[in-house]
Protein backbone atom coordinates (compact mmCIF):
# COMPACT_ATOMS: atom_id res chain seq x y z
CA MET A 1 14.67 -22.26 9.43
CA LYS A 2 15.29 -22.12 5.70
CA LYS A 3 12.05 -24.02 5.06
CA LEU A 4 10.11 -21.50 7.15
CA VAL A 5 11.55 -18.53 5.23
CA LEU A 6 10.69 -20.14 1.91
CA PHE A 7 7.16 -20.89 3.07
CA ILE A 8 6.57 -17.30 4.19
CA SER A 9 7.90 -16.01 0.87
CA PHE A 10 5.59 -18.35 -0.99
CA LEU A 11 2.56 -17.07 0.92
CA PHE A 12 3.53 -13.50 0.09
CA LEU A 13 3.80 -14.21 -3.61
CA VAL A 14 0.51 -16.08 -3.74
CA SER A 15 -1.41 -13.29 -2.02
CA LEU A 16 0.22 -10.47 -3.95
CA GLY A 17 -2.68 -9.96 -6.38
CA PHE A 18 -5.44 -10.12 -3.77
CA GLY A 19 -7.10 -7.27 -1.89
CA ASP A 20 -9.69 -4.56 -2.39
CA VAL A 21 -8.74 -1.77 -4.77
CA THR A 22 -9.09 1.89 -3.78
CA GLU A 23 -7.89 4.55 -6.23
CA ASP A 24 -8.30 8.34 -6.06
CA PHE A 25 -6.05 9.12 -9.11
CA ASP A 26 -4.33 11.90 -7.15
CA GLY A 27 -0.86 10.53 -7.97
CA TRP A 28 -1.54 10.38 -11.71
CA SER A 29 -1.02 13.37 -13.99
CA ASP A 30 -1.77 13.31 -17.72
CA SER A 31 -2.31 16.62 -19.52
CA SER A 32 -3.07 15.60 -23.12
CA TYR A 33 -5.79 13.72 -24.96
CA GLY A 34 -5.35 11.31 -27.85
CA ASP A 35 -2.84 8.78 -26.53
CA ILE A 36 -2.62 5.73 -24.29
CA SER A 37 -1.56 6.70 -20.77
CA THR A 38 -0.53 4.27 -18.01
CA TYR A 39 -0.25 4.57 -14.24
CA ASP A 40 1.32 1.88 -12.04
CA HIS A 41 0.21 2.71 -8.52
CA THR A 42 2.35 0.71 -6.12
CA GLY A 43 0.21 -1.47 -3.89
CA VAL A 44 -2.97 -0.64 -5.81
CA GLY A 45 -2.46 -1.79 -9.39
CA GLN A 46 -1.97 -0.85 -13.01
CA TRP A 47 -4.28 1.55 -14.83
CA GLU A 48 -4.50 2.45 -18.51
CA THR A 49 -6.54 5.06 -20.35
CA TYR A 50 -7.01 6.20 -23.91
CA ASN A 51 -7.90 9.71 -25.04
CA THR A 52 -8.27 11.04 -21.51
CA ILE A 53 -6.72 13.59 -19.17
CA CYS A 54 -5.99 13.12 -15.47
CA GLY A 55 -5.93 16.37 -13.52
CA PRO A 56 -7.64 18.55 -10.92
CA LEU A 57 -10.28 20.37 -13.01
CA ASN A 58 -13.78 19.39 -11.85
CA ALA A 59 -12.36 16.58 -9.70
CA ARG A 60 -14.33 15.37 -6.72
CA SER A 61 -11.06 15.74 -4.81
CA GLY A 62 -7.44 15.88 -5.96
CA ASN A 63 -7.38 14.58 -9.54
CA CYS A 64 -9.98 12.85 -11.69
CA VAL A 65 -9.90 11.01 -15.01
CA ARG A 66 -11.61 13.02 -17.76
CA PHE A 67 -12.83 11.39 -20.99
CA ASN A 68 -12.55 13.50 -24.15
CA ASP A 69 -15.62 14.57 -26.14
CA ASP A 70 -16.69 14.20 -29.79
CA SER A 71 -14.00 11.57 -30.44
CA GLY A 72 -15.97 8.63 -31.72
CA GLU A 73 -16.62 7.06 -28.30
CA ASN A 74 -13.09 5.62 -28.13
CA GLU A 75 -12.22 6.58 -24.55
CA TYR A 76 -11.67 4.01 -21.82
CA LEU A 77 -10.31 3.55 -18.30
CA LEU A 78 -8.85 0.07 -17.66
CA PHE A 79 -7.68 -1.65 -14.45
CA SER A 80 -5.27 -4.57 -14.97
CA GLY A 81 -4.44 -5.66 -11.43
CA LEU A 82 -1.14 -5.52 -9.56
CA ASP A 83 0.77 -7.62 -12.07
CA GLY A 84 -0.93 -6.46 -15.28
CA ASN A 85 -2.65 -9.84 -15.69
CA GLY A 86 -5.92 -8.87 -14.05
CA LYS A 87 -7.15 -8.66 -10.48
CA ASP A 88 -6.91 -11.80 -8.34
CA GLY A 89 -9.31 -12.64 -5.53
CA GLY A 90 -12.34 -12.16 -7.76
CA VAL A 91 -14.47 -9.02 -8.06
CA GLY A 92 -17.38 -8.20 -5.79
CA THR A 93 -18.63 -4.61 -6.12
CA ILE A 94 -17.36 -2.03 -8.60
CA SER A 95 -17.99 1.55 -7.56
CA PHE A 96 -16.82 5.07 -8.43
CA TRP A 97 -18.09 8.63 -8.71
CA TYR A 98 -18.92 10.31 -12.03
CA ARG A 99 -20.30 13.59 -13.38
CA HIS A 100 -21.04 15.50 -16.57
CA TRP A 101 -18.29 17.97 -17.46
CA ASP A 102 -20.37 21.16 -17.61
CA GLY A 103 -24.02 20.12 -17.27
CA ASP A 104 -25.10 21.25 -20.73
CA ALA A 105 -27.60 19.34 -22.88
CA SER A 106 -24.92 17.15 -24.55
CA ASN A 107 -25.45 13.41 -24.03
CA VAL A 108 -22.83 11.42 -22.09
CA GLN A 109 -23.05 7.66 -21.58
CA PHE A 110 -20.69 4.94 -20.38
CA GLN A 111 -20.64 1.20 -19.76
CA VAL A 112 -18.71 -0.81 -17.15
CA GLN A 113 -17.33 -4.19 -18.23
CA TYR A 114 -15.10 -7.01 -17.02
CA LYS A 115 -13.30 -9.91 -18.64
CA ILE A 116 -11.40 -12.90 -17.31
CA GLY A 117 -7.93 -13.27 -18.80
CA ALA A 118 -8.10 -13.14 -22.60
CA GLY A 119 -11.86 -13.73 -22.64
CA SER A 120 -14.59 -11.50 -24.01
CA TRP A 121 -15.83 -8.35 -22.28
CA ILE A 122 -19.01 -8.76 -20.24
CA ASP A 123 -21.25 -5.83 -19.31
CA VAL A 124 -21.80 -5.04 -15.64
CA GLY A 125 -25.25 -3.55 -15.23
CA SER A 126 -26.74 -1.31 -17.90
CA THR A 127 -25.40 1.60 -19.92
CA VAL A 128 -25.33 4.69 -17.71
CA THR A 129 -26.68 8.02 -18.97
CA VAL A 130 -24.98 10.83 -17.06
CA PRO A 131 -27.41 13.50 -15.74
CA ASN A 132 -27.03 16.90 -17.40
CA ASN A 133 -25.77 18.76 -14.34
CA THR A 134 -22.48 19.09 -12.47
CA THR A 135 -23.32 16.91 -9.46
CA TYR A 136 -21.20 13.83 -8.77
CA TYR A 137 -23.17 10.56 -8.69
CA GLU A 138 -22.04 7.20 -7.35
CA TYR A 139 -21.93 4.17 -9.62
CA SER A 140 -22.12 0.88 -7.71
CA GLU A 141 -22.85 -2.54 -9.20
CA ASN A 142 -22.22 -6.09 -8.05
CA ALA A 143 -20.16 -8.09 -10.55
CA ASN A 144 -19.59 -11.08 -8.23
CA VAL A 145 -16.85 -12.73 -10.29
CA THR A 146 -15.13 -15.61 -8.52
CA ASP A 147 -12.17 -16.00 -10.90
CA ASP A 148 -8.67 -14.55 -10.76
CA ASN A 149 -7.15 -12.47 -13.59
CA VAL A 150 -10.14 -10.14 -13.87
CA PHE A 151 -9.81 -6.94 -15.92
CA VAL A 152 -12.27 -4.08 -15.31
CA GLN A 153 -12.92 -1.15 -17.65
CA VAL A 154 -15.18 1.84 -18.18
CA ILE A 155 -15.82 2.60 -21.86
CA SER A 156 -17.47 5.56 -23.55
CA ILE A 157 -20.83 4.94 -25.24
CA ASP A 158 -21.70 8.55 -26.09
CA ASP A 159 -19.10 11.31 -25.77
CA ALA A 160 -20.96 14.40 -26.94
CA GLU A 161 -19.44 16.01 -23.83
CA ARG A 162 -16.65 15.11 -21.40
CA LEU A 163 -17.04 12.65 -18.51
CA CYS A 164 -15.30 12.88 -15.13
CA ILE A 165 -14.50 9.76 -13.05
CA ASP A 166 -13.08 9.85 -9.52
CA ASP A 167 -12.58 7.73 -6.37
CA PHE A 168 -12.69 4.23 -7.85
CA SER A 169 -13.00 1.02 -5.80
CA ILE A 170 -13.19 -2.69 -6.57
CA THR A 171 -13.83 -5.19 -3.78
CA ASP A 172 -12.80 -8.84 -3.68
CA TYR A 173 -15.48 -11.45 -4.25
CA SER A 174 -16.78 -12.34 -0.79
CA GLY A 175 -19.33 -15.00 -1.72
CA GLY A 176 -23.07 -15.10 -1.35
CA GLY A 177 -23.74 -11.94 -3.33
CA SER A 178 -26.41 -11.58 -5.95
CA VAL A 179 -25.58 -10.82 -9.56
CA SER A 180 -27.62 -7.78 -10.54
CA PRO A 181 -29.97 -7.92 -13.55
CA VAL A 182 -28.66 -6.41 -16.78
CA VAL A 183 -31.13 -4.14 -18.59
CA THR A 184 -30.47 -3.28 -22.24
CA PRO A 185 -33.30 -1.17 -23.71
CA THR A 186 -34.00 -0.63 -27.39
CA ALA A 187 -33.75 3.10 -28.04
CA GLN A 188 -37.04 4.91 -28.71
CA GLY A 189 -36.65 8.09 -30.73
CA ASN A 190 -39.02 10.95 -31.40
CA THR A 191 -42.11 9.95 -33.34
CA THR A 192 -45.11 11.47 -35.11
CA SER A 193 -47.31 8.55 -34.01
CA THR A 194 -50.08 9.39 -31.55
CA SER A 195 -50.83 5.67 -31.07
CA VAL A 196 -49.46 3.29 -28.45
CA ILE A 197 -45.64 3.17 -28.32
CA THR A 198 -44.09 -0.17 -27.35
CA ILE A 199 -40.89 0.00 -25.31
CA ASN A 200 -38.64 -3.07 -25.49
CA ALA A 201 -35.65 -4.16 -23.41
CA GLU A 202 -33.52 -7.26 -23.09
CA ILE A 203 -33.16 -8.20 -19.42
CA THR A 204 -30.90 -10.97 -18.16
CA ASP A 205 -29.58 -12.07 -14.78
CA GLY A 206 -26.27 -13.91 -14.46
CA ASP A 207 -27.41 -16.23 -11.67
CA GLY A 208 -30.82 -16.89 -13.20
CA ASP A 209 -33.05 -15.50 -10.45
CA LEU A 210 -34.73 -12.59 -12.25
CA THR A 211 -38.14 -11.92 -10.68
CA THR A 212 -41.10 -12.05 -13.11
CA THR A 213 -44.00 -12.43 -10.70
CA THR A 214 -46.84 -9.90 -10.61
CA GLY A 215 -45.92 -6.87 -8.51
CA SER A 216 -42.17 -7.51 -8.84
CA ALA A 217 -41.74 -8.13 -12.58
CA PRO A 218 -39.58 -5.95 -14.82
CA SER A 219 -41.27 -2.58 -15.08
CA CYS A 220 -41.38 0.47 -17.31
CA TRP A 221 -42.11 3.67 -15.40
CA TYR A 222 -43.29 6.59 -17.55
CA ARG A 223 -44.61 10.11 -17.07
CA ILE A 224 -46.21 12.69 -19.34
CA ASP A 225 -44.84 16.25 -19.49
CA GLY A 226 -43.17 15.93 -16.08
CA GLY A 227 -46.27 14.62 -14.29
CA SER A 228 -46.63 11.67 -11.92
CA TRP A 229 -44.96 8.34 -12.63
CA ASN A 230 -47.05 5.46 -13.99
CA ARG A 231 -45.89 1.84 -13.87
CA LEU A 232 -46.26 -0.92 -16.46
CA GLU A 233 -44.98 -4.47 -15.93
CA ASP A 234 -44.35 -7.50 -18.11
CA THR A 235 -44.65 -10.97 -16.56
CA THR A 236 -44.57 -12.88 -19.87
CA PRO A 237 -41.40 -12.00 -21.82
CA VAL A 238 -40.47 -13.51 -25.15
CA GLY A 239 -37.12 -15.08 -24.30
CA ASP A 240 -35.16 -12.27 -22.64
CA THR A 241 -37.20 -9.50 -24.30
CA PHE A 242 -39.68 -7.58 -22.16
CA SER A 243 -42.21 -5.13 -23.63
CA TRP A 244 -44.46 -2.39 -22.28
CA ASP A 245 -47.12 -0.35 -24.12
CA ILE A 246 -47.13 3.37 -23.29
CA PRO A 247 -50.52 4.87 -24.22
CA GLY A 248 -50.67 7.16 -27.24
CA GLN A 249 -50.31 10.90 -26.67
CA SER A 250 -51.07 14.03 -28.63
CA ALA A 251 -48.47 16.03 -30.57
CA HIS A 252 -46.01 18.13 -28.60
CA THR A 253 -45.99 15.80 -25.61
CA LEU A 254 -42.81 14.77 -23.80
CA ILE A 255 -42.72 11.20 -22.51
CA GLU A 256 -39.97 10.28 -20.02
CA TYR A 257 -39.42 6.70 -18.90
CA TYR A 258 -37.04 4.32 -17.18
CA ILE A 259 -36.89 0.55 -16.87
CA ALA A 260 -36.34 -1.42 -13.67
CA ALA A 261 -35.80 -5.09 -12.78
CA GLN A 262 -35.12 -6.99 -9.57
CA ASP A 263 -34.07 -10.53 -8.72
CA ASP A 264 -35.06 -12.93 -5.96
CA GLU A 265 -32.37 -11.47 -3.69
CA ASP A 266 -33.76 -7.93 -4.13
CA SER A 267 -30.85 -6.75 -6.26
CA VAL A 268 -32.22 -3.94 -8.47
CA THR A 269 -31.05 -2.46 -11.77
CA THR A 270 -32.56 0.54 -13.51
CA SER A 271 -31.90 2.00 -16.94
CA PRO A 272 -30.78 4.74 -16.75
CA SER A 273 -28.94 3.70 -13.59
CA GLY A 274 -29.40 5.28 -10.18
CA GLY A 275 -32.92 4.15 -9.30
CA SER A 276 -33.77 1.89 -6.39
CA GLY A 277 -36.62 0.21 -4.55
CA THR A 278 -38.14 -3.25 -4.77
CA THR A 279 -41.60 -4.76 -5.19
CA PRO A 280 -42.16 -2.94 -7.40
CA PRO A 281 -38.66 -2.55 -8.80
CA GLY A 282 -37.54 1.04 -9.39
CA SER A 283 -40.06 2.63 -7.05
CA THR A 284 -37.44 5.36 -6.49
CA ALA A 285 -36.64 7.00 -9.84
CA PRO A 286 -33.09 7.61 -11.11
CA ALA A 287 -31.78 11.13 -11.68
CA SER A 288 -32.06 10.93 -15.47
CA PHE A 289 -34.48 9.23 -17.84
CA HIS A 290 -34.98 7.96 -21.37
CA SER A 291 -37.38 10.14 -23.32
CA TYR A 292 -39.07 10.81 -26.63
CA ASN A 293 -41.28 13.57 -28.04
CA ILE A 294 -44.48 13.30 -30.05
CA LEU A 295 -44.01 15.57 -33.06
CA LYS A 296 -46.33 16.91 -35.73
CA SER A 297 -45.81 15.40 -39.17
CA SER A 298 -46.25 18.88 -40.69
CA PRO A 299 -45.10 21.40 -38.09
CA THR A 300 -45.40 25.15 -38.48
CA ILE A 301 -42.67 27.68 -37.83
CA TYR A 302 -44.46 28.48 -34.59
CA ASP A 303 -44.27 24.81 -33.54
CA VAL A 304 -40.53 24.63 -34.16
CA GLN A 305 -39.84 27.86 -32.30
CA ASN A 306 -42.13 27.49 -29.30
CA TYR A 307 -42.45 23.84 -28.28
CA ARG A 308 -39.41 23.11 -26.13
CA ASP A 309 -38.19 20.46 -23.70
CA GLY A 310 -36.87 20.89 -20.16
CA SER A 311 -33.45 21.92 -21.51
CA ASP A 312 -35.07 24.68 -23.62
CA ASN A 313 -34.33 22.82 -26.86
CA SER A 314 -36.97 22.72 -29.56
CA TYR A 315 -38.82 19.41 -29.79
CA TYR A 316 -37.70 19.44 -33.41
CA ASN A 317 -34.00 19.86 -32.65
CA GLY A 318 -32.08 17.46 -34.91
CA GLU A 319 -35.18 16.61 -36.98
CA THR A 320 -35.57 17.22 -40.70
CA VAL A 321 -38.72 19.28 -41.30
CA SER A 322 -40.33 21.13 -44.21
CA LEU A 323 -41.68 24.56 -43.32
CA THR A 324 -43.70 27.16 -45.13
CA GLY A 325 -44.40 30.66 -43.93
CA ILE A 326 -43.90 34.35 -44.43
CA VAL A 327 -40.51 35.80 -43.51
CA THR A 328 -40.72 39.31 -42.06
CA GLY A 329 -38.35 41.79 -40.47
CA ILE A 330 -35.46 41.48 -42.98
């Protein structure tokens, strides 16, 4: 009888760190930015944040975690497992809901990562650009990590405005899943060039089955001034770098684009995230896009005042320009 009791106790201890994680943050209250805050949710696990608030404002339900803004992108949300040494049972899918604080034009971006024990952080999927509205969107990516002691975190990449995170879940690794491609684009800023613009991105796939065949290869979807989407693909990358040539456009043109890749198991990643569809990858566009404007090298006052993007910001917002003109009405 004593041996049986000891055996049952042993099984309980071994399985203690296993199990899917579901967290709504409703039992956590933190009312001030600027410090490390911790939350040990019995039966769920240990959470840690920096420079965040946890409360009901703009929550999807109950409470949500809110990243601060204009703080040097130092905010994070970290899950450390039941025992503080990382989640056991591996990690399958990481998912949660997120939204922009107030939907203004301020840029908000985040990245999801994991690490095993004291190892280095590894990106899960691509950097997410949060749409400039107040709708909640679901983040869901397959990490498919087989190890124990897995830490998971969400880190701020751009905190020009606040970010809300709610209803977080992490599943155990269940085997047989596909590791999603990781798409890391090189930023393309505004330009005065009316020639071809080359978009570059590094695309990798953890299990080595990225699709590069014609019709399914990594693609850049672009549109001009809100028109129809056009697709470019690259079947001959240089190493992990894929490139696409967007045709030249005239001054005061807005070009929006997103990048998509799929693997042999039809797992799709888009940058920005949120797109879907296979063969071709990204046939359904995400809610937000990368973009750049074609500017005049010598704009007039009229150009600066009257050429505006979809958020009613001047194309020249944030640019250094030299203007000449006659000032009237003083």
